[in-house]
């Protein structure tokens, strides 16, 4: 048996968009960047962002600390095993993004907005909210990873400003709705994938992301594949210094199907390990996603309103084994 394969495409198929103007707050340049992001979101649901303002040294530091974490003995990683708040280590076999495939061939370390136990939402038992779990064996992980996470949240606000402008809304339209985001970060480690595992084995099986936007920084190994408008799987090659940004299901609903939440997958055919860092940037848990917000004629809405947290929790319950009811 062989790997699931993908076609090569021109780099322009998934465009690289310079967002320096959005980061700097330049009005004219922000509108141009927003238009470019809107066009890519409507066509394929993926784009790269360059000149994003996050220092490369910080990014490189996160990759280094992630390597240190995944190299720890299993009992050290298990000391921060993922909990019901979706914080901690998920070992091999802990996730399955597509029912027709085998469990994903990866392990990950998941973190999110750092909230104390006395926070009102945490005290009320609101799902997916609470303090993170950091391994005592590697204190440098928190010191490097959390500043990166905060930087990506800032990047998310810049991208949202451009998208809001492109949709004919005020630049701050999304800001209040993402002010306390349900944003999960994930350090991901993919081992080399032997071809004899077959075409139903993936690093991550074909899926769409659940929420608003995903910000992915991948190493130079490659392996991310995106489904094109023609239905073919195509490579989303690593481009140094850029983030891959893709539209999630909630943003697809919010824009009344205008933006595409496109299926994608990971197949690591490189012969060595692959690393990536993802931040799944979703609105606040209590934010109601309503297509009428972005329509001139509310009667044209194709989807009813849905609460972000309710939507995301429902998807989590299907994808992650730790959330399955005890037998």
Protein backbone atom coordinates (compact mmCIF):
# COMPACT_ATOMS: atom_id res chain seq x y z
CA UNK A 1 0.00 0.00 0.00
CA UNK A 2 1.08 3.62 -0.49
CA UNK A 3 0.61 7.05 0.98
CA UNK A 4 -2.39 9.21 0.22
CA UNK A 5 -0.93 11.55 -2.42
CA UNK A 6 -1.44 15.17 -3.47
CA UNK A 7 -0.73 17.26 -6.55
CA UNK A 8 1.77 20.08 -6.83
CA UNK A 9 0.28 23.53 -7.47
CA UNK A 10 1.53 27.02 -8.18
CA UNK A 11 2.37 28.89 -4.99
CA UNK A 12 -0.10 31.59 -6.08
CA UNK A 13 -3.01 29.15 -5.70
CA UNK A 14 -2.74 29.73 -1.94
CA UNK A 15 -1.58 33.36 -1.92
CA UNK A 16 1.03 34.95 0.32
CA UNK A 17 -0.46 38.19 1.69
CA UNK A 18 1.66 40.96 3.18
CA UNK A 19 -0.14 42.19 6.31
CA UNK A 20 2.44 44.75 7.46
CA UNK A 21 -0.14 47.51 7.02
CA UNK A 22 -2.65 45.71 9.24
CA UNK A 23 -0.03 45.16 11.94
CA UNK A 24 1.00 48.84 11.74
CA UNK A 25 -2.56 50.17 11.54
CA UNK A 26 -2.16 51.79 8.12
CA UNK A 27 -5.71 52.36 6.83
CA UNK A 28 -5.18 52.21 3.05
CA UNK A 29 -2.87 49.23 3.20
CA UNK A 30 -5.20 47.47 5.62
CA UNK A 31 -8.06 47.64 3.15
CA UNK A 32 -5.89 46.18 0.37
CA UNK A 33 -4.70 43.33 2.60
CA UNK A 34 -8.28 42.69 3.68
CA UNK A 35 -9.46 42.44 0.08
CA UNK A 36 -6.71 39.91 -0.68
CA UNK A 37 -7.65 37.81 2.35
CA UNK A 38 -11.34 37.94 1.44
CA UNK A 39 -10.64 36.74 -2.11
CA UNK A 40 -8.58 33.80 -0.86
CA UNK A 41 -11.18 32.99 1.80
CA UNK A 42 -13.95 32.92 -0.79
CA UNK A 43 -11.96 30.81 -3.25
CA UNK A 44 -10.00 28.22 -1.26
CA UNK A 45 -10.27 29.17 2.43
CA UNK A 46 -6.48 29.27 2.91
CA UNK A 47 -3.79 31.92 2.64
CA UNK A 48 -0.32 32.67 4.01
CA UNK A 49 0.48 35.87 5.91
CA UNK A 50 3.91 37.52 5.74
CA UNK A 51 5.32 40.47 7.70
CA UNK A 52 3.11 39.44 10.60
CA UNK A 53 5.24 41.06 13.29
CA UNK A 54 6.02 37.97 15.40
CA UNK A 55 9.81 37.66 15.91
CA UNK A 56 11.38 34.62 14.28
CA UNK A 57 13.47 34.08 17.41
CA UNK A 58 10.29 33.56 19.44
CA UNK A 59 8.92 31.10 16.86
CA UNK A 60 12.21 29.18 16.75
CA UNK A 61 12.25 29.04 20.54
CA UNK A 62 8.82 27.43 20.63
CA UNK A 63 9.90 24.76 18.14
CA UNK A 64 12.99 24.05 20.26
CA UNK A 65 11.01 23.75 23.49
CA UNK A 66 8.43 21.56 21.74
CA UNK A 67 11.21 19.18 20.69
CA UNK A 68 12.39 19.11 24.30
CA UNK A 69 8.88 18.29 25.52
CA UNK A 70 8.19 15.47 23.07
CA UNK A 71 11.61 13.97 23.88
CA UNK A 72 10.68 13.66 27.58
CA UNK A 73 10.01 10.18 29.00
CA UNK A 74 6.41 9.13 28.63
CA UNK A 75 5.75 9.32 32.36
CA UNK A 76 6.85 12.97 32.41
CA UNK A 77 4.48 13.80 29.55
CA UNK A 78 1.72 11.77 31.20
CA UNK A 79 2.05 13.95 34.31
CA UNK A 80 0.23 16.62 32.27
CA UNK A 81 -2.13 14.27 30.46
CA UNK A 82 -4.98 16.16 28.81
CA UNK A 83 -7.86 16.99 31.12
CA UNK A 84 -11.51 17.79 30.50
CA UNK A 85 -10.59 21.43 30.02
CA UNK A 86 -8.57 20.39 26.96
CA UNK A 87 -5.23 21.31 28.47
CA UNK A 88 -2.18 19.04 28.39
CA UNK A 89 -0.57 16.18 26.49
CA UNK A 90 -2.50 14.01 24.02
CA UNK A 91 -0.55 10.88 23.11
CA UNK A 92 -0.65 8.82 19.93
CA UNK A 93 -4.16 7.58 19.23
CA UNK A 94 -5.84 10.31 21.25
CA UNK A 95 -7.46 12.09 18.30
CA UNK A 96 -9.45 10.99 15.28
CA UNK A 97 -10.63 13.71 12.92
CA UNK A 98 -12.45 11.51 10.42
CA UNK A 99 -14.52 8.42 11.17
CA UNK A 100 -13.43 6.59 8.01
CA UNK A 101 -9.74 6.70 8.89
CA UNK A 102 -7.45 5.32 11.57
CA UNK A 103 -6.58 7.40 14.62
CA UNK A 104 -4.26 10.30 13.81
CA UNK A 105 -0.54 9.49 13.82
CA UNK A 106 0.64 12.33 16.06
CA UNK A 107 0.97 13.54 19.61
CA UNK A 108 0.30 17.05 20.84
CA UNK A 109 0.50 19.42 23.78
CA UNK A 110 -2.52 21.70 24.13
CA UNK A 111 -2.83 25.00 25.98
CA UNK A 112 -5.14 28.01 26.00
CA UNK A 113 -6.06 31.24 27.70
CA UNK A 114 -4.58 31.11 31.20
CA UNK A 115 -7.49 31.49 33.62
CA UNK A 116 -7.35 30.98 37.40
CA UNK A 117 -9.74 28.74 39.29
CA UNK A 118 -11.50 31.81 40.76
CA UNK A 119 -12.35 33.19 37.32
CA UNK A 120 -16.18 33.35 37.10
CA UNK A 121 -16.38 31.11 34.03
CA UNK A 122 -13.95 28.58 35.49
CA UNK A 123 -15.72 28.56 38.85
CA UNK A 124 -19.01 27.99 37.01
CA UNK A 125 -17.56 24.95 35.23
CA UNK A 126 -17.70 26.48 31.75
CA UNK A 127 -16.21 23.86 29.39
CA UNK A 128 -12.73 24.29 27.90
CA UNK A 129 -11.78 27.11 30.29
CA UNK A 130 -9.28 27.07 33.15
CA UNK A 131 -5.58 27.06 34.01
CA UNK A 132 -3.08 25.36 31.74
CA UNK A 133 -1.04 22.30 32.69
CA UNK A 134 2.72 22.86 32.39
CA UNK A 135 5.26 20.06 33.00
CA UNK A 136 7.46 20.54 36.06
CA UNK A 137 10.26 18.78 34.19
CA UNK A 138 10.44 21.56 31.60
CA UNK A 139 9.76 25.03 33.08
CA UNK A 140 11.10 26.70 29.92
CA UNK A 141 8.06 25.42 28.02
CA UNK A 142 5.68 27.86 29.68
CA UNK A 143 8.23 30.70 29.56
CA UNK A 144 8.46 30.40 25.77
CA UNK A 145 5.12 29.03 24.62
CA UNK A 146 2.73 31.38 26.41
CA UNK A 147 4.30 34.61 25.07
CA UNK A 148 4.06 33.06 21.60
CA UNK A 149 0.39 32.24 22.17
CA UNK A 150 -0.31 35.83 23.22
CA UNK A 151 1.53 37.12 20.15
CA UNK A 152 -0.62 34.97 17.86
CA UNK A 153 -3.77 36.29 19.53
CA UNK A 154 -2.54 39.77 18.61
CA UNK A 155 -1.91 38.60 15.05
CA UNK A 156 -5.46 37.24 15.02
CA UNK A 157 -6.84 40.67 15.88
CA UNK A 158 -4.86 42.18 12.97
CA UNK A 159 -6.23 39.64 10.50
CA UNK A 160 -9.77 40.09 11.82
CA UNK A 161 -9.54 43.84 11.26
CA UNK A 162 -8.72 43.24 7.60
CA UNK A 163 -11.51 40.70 7.16
CA UNK A 164 -14.05 43.00 8.82
CA UNK A 165 -13.13 45.84 6.46
CA UNK A 166 -13.36 43.50 3.48
CA UNK A 167 -16.90 42.55 4.52
CA UNK A 168 -18.03 46.16 4.67
CA UNK A 169 -17.98 46.42 8.44
CA UNK A 170 -16.07 48.58 10.88
CA UNK A 171 -12.49 47.39 11.47
CA UNK A 172 -13.38 46.57 15.09
CA UNK A 173 -16.43 44.45 14.25
CA UNK A 174 -14.85 41.16 15.36
CA UNK A 175 -12.68 42.59 18.16
CA UNK A 176 -15.25 42.49 20.98
CA UNK A 177 -16.44 39.05 19.89
CA UNK A 178 -12.88 37.69 20.19
CA UNK A 179 -11.93 39.75 23.28
CA UNK A 180 -11.83 36.63 25.48
CA UNK A 181 -11.25 34.02 22.81
CA UNK A 182 -11.81 30.31 23.06
CA UNK A 183 -8.36 29.89 21.50
CA UNK A 184 -6.44 26.64 21.81
CA UNK A 185 -2.76 26.39 21.03
CA UNK A 186 -1.26 23.04 20.07
CA UNK A 187 2.34 21.90 19.70
CA UNK A 188 2.15 18.96 17.31
CA UNK A 189 4.68 16.19 16.66
CA UNK A 190 4.25 13.82 13.71
CA UNK A 191 6.50 10.76 13.55
CA UNK A 192 7.65 9.49 10.15
CA UNK A 193 4.75 7.72 8.45
CA UNK A 194 5.57 4.32 6.90
CA UNK A 195 3.81 3.88 3.53
CA UNK A 196 2.66 0.36 4.38
CA UNK A 197 0.15 1.80 6.86
CA UNK A 198 -2.08 2.53 3.88
CA UNK A 199 -4.15 5.36 2.48
CA UNK A 200 -6.50 5.49 5.48
CA UNK A 201 -3.63 6.45 7.83
CA UNK A 202 -2.83 10.13 8.25
CA UNK A 203 -0.89 12.39 10.54
CA UNK A 204 -4.22 14.22 10.67
CA UNK A 205 -7.11 12.74 8.71
CA UNK A 206 -9.19 14.92 6.34
CA UNK A 207 -11.24 17.42 8.33
CA UNK A 208 -12.35 21.02 8.56
CA UNK A 209 -11.48 23.16 11.57
CA UNK A 210 -14.30 23.91 13.97
CA UNK A 211 -14.13 27.57 14.73
CA UNK A 212 -13.09 30.99 13.47
CA UNK A 213 -9.54 31.09 12.11
CA UNK A 214 -6.54 28.77 12.42
CA UNK A 215 -2.98 30.10 12.51
CA UNK A 216 -0.41 27.42 11.67
CA UNK A 217 3.36 27.70 11.66
CA UNK A 218 4.88 24.60 10.09
CA UNK A 219 8.49 23.50 9.88
CA UNK A 220 10.05 23.00 6.45
CA UNK A 221 9.21 19.28 6.28
CA UNK A 222 5.94 19.64 4.38
CA UNK A 223 2.91 17.38 4.50
CA UNK A 224 -0.05 19.75 4.79
CA UNK A 225 -2.52 19.03 1.99
CA UNK A 226 -5.60 21.10 1.05
CA UNK A 227 -8.54 20.14 -1.14
CA UNK A 228 -8.82 22.39 -4.18
CA UNK A 229 -12.03 23.63 -5.82
CA UNK A 230 -11.68 20.81 -8.37
CA UNK A 231 -11.67 18.23 -5.58
CA UNK A 232 -7.97 17.35 -5.88
CA UNK A 233 -5.65 17.26 -2.88
CA UNK A 234 -2.85 19.81 -3.31
CA UNK A 235 0.25 20.60 -1.25
CA UNK A 236 0.32 23.67 1.01
CA UNK A 237 4.09 23.99 0.99
CA UNK A 238 5.96 25.49 3.94
CA UNK A 239 7.08 29.05 3.19
CA UNK A 240 9.66 30.30 5.63
CA UNK A 241 8.60 33.26 7.75
CA UNK A 242 4.88 32.87 7.08
CA UNK A 243 1.83 31.57 8.88
CA UNK A 244 -0.79 29.50 7.11
CA UNK A 245 -4.24 30.87 7.93
CA UNK A 246 -7.43 28.98 7.20
CA UNK A 247 -11.13 29.56 7.66
CA UNK A 248 -13.02 27.41 10.17
CA UNK A 249 -16.62 26.20 10.20
CA UNK A 250 -17.91 29.00 12.45
CA UNK A 251 -16.49 31.70 10.19
CA UNK A 252 -18.02 29.86 7.22
CA UNK A 253 -21.44 30.08 8.94
CA UNK A 254 -20.89 33.65 10.10
CA UNK A 255 -20.21 34.81 6.53
CA UNK A 256 -23.28 32.91 5.29
CA UNK A 257 -21.10 30.42 3.38
CA UNK A 258 -19.18 33.21 1.66
CA UNK A 259 -15.87 32.10 3.18
CA UNK A 260 -14.89 28.45 2.67
CA UNK A 261 -13.94 26.10 5.50
CA UNK A 262 -11.89 23.77 3.37
CA UNK A 263 -10.97 20.14 4.14
CA UNK A 264 -7.27 19.54 4.79
CA UNK A 265 -5.05 16.75 6.09
CA UNK A 266 -1.45 15.92 6.99
CA UNK A 267 0.56 13.09 5.44
CA UNK A 268 4.18 12.97 6.63
CA UNK A 269 6.05 11.22 3.82
CA UNK A 270 9.40 12.86 4.63
CA UNK A 271 11.01 9.94 6.43
CA UNK A 272 11.62 12.04 9.56
CA UNK A 273 9.56 13.78 12.23
CA UNK A 274 7.46 16.84 11.40
CA UNK A 275 6.56 19.69 13.75
CA UNK A 276 3.92 22.39 13.62
CA UNK A 277 2.36 24.91 15.99
CA UNK A 278 -1.34 25.63 15.62
CA UNK A 279 -3.53 28.22 17.31
CA UNK A 280 -7.25 27.66 16.77
CA UNK A 281 -8.59 31.18 17.20
CA UNK A 282 -12.28 31.11 18.01
CA UNK A 283 -14.68 33.73 19.42
CA UNK A 284 -15.52 33.90 23.11
CA UNK A 285 -17.35 30.92 24.59
CA UNK A 286 -20.57 32.88 25.01
CA UNK A 287 -20.38 34.71 21.67
CA UNK A 288 -23.38 34.06 19.43
CA UNK A 289 -22.36 33.57 15.81
CA UNK A 290 -25.20 34.94 13.68
CA UNK A 291 -24.94 35.32 9.87
CA UNK A 292 -27.38 38.23 10.04
CA UNK A 293 -24.57 40.31 11.58
CA UNK A 294 -22.84 40.41 8.19
CA UNK A 295 -25.86 40.60 5.88
CA UNK A 296 -27.57 43.70 4.51
CA UNK A 297 -30.73 41.59 4.19
CA UNK A 298 -31.09 39.43 7.35
CA UNK A 299 -33.73 37.35 5.60
CA UNK A 300 -31.00 35.80 3.44
CA UNK A 301 -29.36 33.99 6.38
CA UNK A 302 -28.67 30.31 5.60
CA UNK A 303 -27.88 29.28 9.17
CA UNK A 304 -29.50 29.91 12.55
CA UNK A 305 -27.49 31.61 15.30
CA UNK A 306 -25.24 29.32 17.35
CA UNK A 307 -23.21 29.88 20.52
CA UNK A 308 -19.50 29.40 19.89
CA UNK A 309 -18.85 27.29 22.98
CA UNK A 310 -21.78 24.96 22.37
CA UNK A 311 -20.63 24.41 18.79
CA UNK A 312 -16.97 23.75 19.63
CA UNK A 313 -17.71 21.43 22.56
CA UNK A 314 -20.02 19.37 20.34
CA UNK A 315 -17.23 18.89 17.81
CA UNK A 316 -14.64 18.10 20.49
CA UNK A 317 -16.80 15.35 21.93
CA UNK A 318 -16.66 13.53 18.59
CA UNK A 319 -12.96 14.02 17.84
CA UNK A 320 -11.06 13.34 21.07
CA UNK A 321 -11.00 9.97 22.79
CA UNK A 322 -10.48 11.41 26.28
CA UNK A 323 -13.95 13.00 26.03
CA UNK A 324 -15.72 9.72 25.31
CA UNK A 325 -18.03 8.51 28.10
CA UNK A 326 -16.55 5.78 30.27
CA UNK A 327 -17.69 2.31 29.24
